[in-house]
Protein backbone atom coordinates (compact mmCIF):
# COMPACT_ATOMS: atom_id res chain seq x y z
CA MET A 1 8.09 7.98 8.23
CA THR A 2 7.76 9.53 4.80
CA LYS A 3 9.17 8.22 1.53
CA ALA A 4 11.98 10.79 1.79
CA ASP A 5 12.84 9.50 5.29
CA LEU A 6 12.85 5.94 3.97
CA VAL A 7 15.16 6.90 1.10
CA GLU A 8 17.51 8.63 3.54
CA GLU A 9 17.66 5.63 5.90
CA ILE A 10 18.26 3.14 3.08
CA SER A 11 20.88 5.44 1.58
CA LYS A 12 22.75 5.57 4.90
CA ASP A 13 22.60 1.80 5.38
CA THR A 14 23.67 0.86 1.84
CA GLY A 15 26.09 3.64 0.97
CA LEU A 16 24.17 4.38 -2.24
CA SER A 17 23.44 7.96 -3.20
CA LYS A 18 20.06 9.37 -2.28
CA LYS A 19 19.27 9.76 -5.98
CA ASP A 20 19.94 6.08 -6.72
CA THR A 21 18.07 4.98 -3.61
CA SER A 22 15.10 7.15 -4.57
CA ILE A 23 15.01 5.53 -8.02
CA VAL A 24 14.99 2.05 -6.47
CA VAL A 25 12.25 2.91 -3.93
CA ASN A 26 10.10 4.48 -6.67
CA LEU A 27 10.59 1.44 -8.92
CA ILE A 28 9.50 -0.89 -6.11
CA ILE A 29 6.38 1.15 -5.43
CA ASP A 30 5.57 1.47 -9.15
CA ASN A 31 5.92 -2.29 -9.66
CA ILE A 32 3.67 -3.04 -6.69
CA CYS A 33 1.06 -0.63 -8.11
CA LYS A 34 1.33 -2.14 -11.59
CA ALA A 35 0.92 -5.68 -10.24
CA LEU A 36 -2.17 -4.68 -8.24
CA ALA A 37 -3.65 -2.89 -11.26
CA GLU A 38 -3.24 -6.14 -13.23
CA GLY A 39 -5.05 -8.06 -10.48
CA ASP A 40 -1.96 -9.81 -9.10
CA LYS A 41 -1.17 -10.33 -5.43
CA VAL A 42 2.17 -9.03 -4.09
CA GLU A 43 3.70 -10.91 -1.17
CA LEU A 44 6.78 -9.66 0.68
CA ARG A 45 7.82 -12.42 3.10
CA GLY A 46 8.26 -11.13 6.62
CA PHE A 47 6.40 -7.90 5.81
CA GLY A 48 2.97 -8.65 4.41
CA SER A 49 0.89 -8.98 1.29
CA PHE A 50 -0.95 -6.55 -0.95
CA LYS A 51 -4.01 -7.52 -2.92
CA VAL A 52 -7.08 -5.99 -4.48
CA LYS A 53 -10.52 -6.60 -2.99
CA SER A 54 -13.83 -5.79 -4.60
CA ARG A 55 -16.47 -3.84 -2.76
CA LYS A 56 -20.11 -4.41 -3.59
CA PRO A 57 -22.36 -1.53 -4.60
CA ARG A 58 -24.21 -0.08 -1.66
CA ARG A 59 -26.54 2.65 -0.60
CA ALA A 60 -25.08 5.39 1.64
CA ARG A 61 -26.23 8.71 3.04
CA ASN A 62 -24.86 12.16 2.48
CA PRO A 63 -24.13 13.27 6.08
CA ARG A 64 -24.82 16.91 5.30
CA THR A 65 -28.21 16.54 3.61
CA GLY A 66 -29.29 13.07 4.71
CA GLU A 67 -30.02 12.23 1.07
CA ALA A 68 -29.54 8.62 -0.03
CA VAL A 69 -26.66 8.11 -2.45
CA ASP A 70 -25.80 5.04 -4.54
CA VAL A 71 -22.14 4.06 -4.23
CA PRO A 72 -21.01 1.91 -7.17
CA ALA A 73 -18.97 -1.29 -6.88
CA LYS A 74 -15.23 -0.68 -6.89
CA LEU A 75 -11.85 -2.29 -6.38
CA VAL A 76 -9.74 -1.23 -3.39
CA PRO A 77 -6.14 -2.05 -2.47
CA TYR A 78 -5.74 -4.06 0.73
CA PHE A 79 -2.66 -4.77 2.86
CA LYS A 80 -2.38 -7.63 5.33
CA ALA A 81 0.60 -7.57 7.69
CA SER A 82 2.58 -10.76 8.22
CA ASN A 83 2.78 -12.41 11.63
CA GLU A 84 6.47 -11.47 11.77
CA LEU A 85 5.66 -7.76 11.26
CA LYS A 86 2.86 -7.94 13.81
CA SER A 87 5.20 -9.45 16.41
CA LYS A 88 7.84 -6.74 15.78
CA VAL A 89 5.22 -4.00 16.23
CA ASN A 90 3.85 -5.54 19.43
CA VAL A 91 7.16 -5.77 21.29
């Protein structure tokens, strides 16, 4: 399902226009991104939680040349599904 499909489904269910629904979906996504960028955790009960994890610097290899490459430390977004979501997926 794409974001456009999600907007269409929500629009059908709520009776809102696709334009209004698209604005709401974009605002939700933007606010989740902003919270993660500020280092906050986002928890949506019954769905899951988003947080930022830090990865340590490491040494990797370029698969084409075999040359060793240093990969710097970085922050990565992480999603953990709730037990409720997991049970709905594994029906």
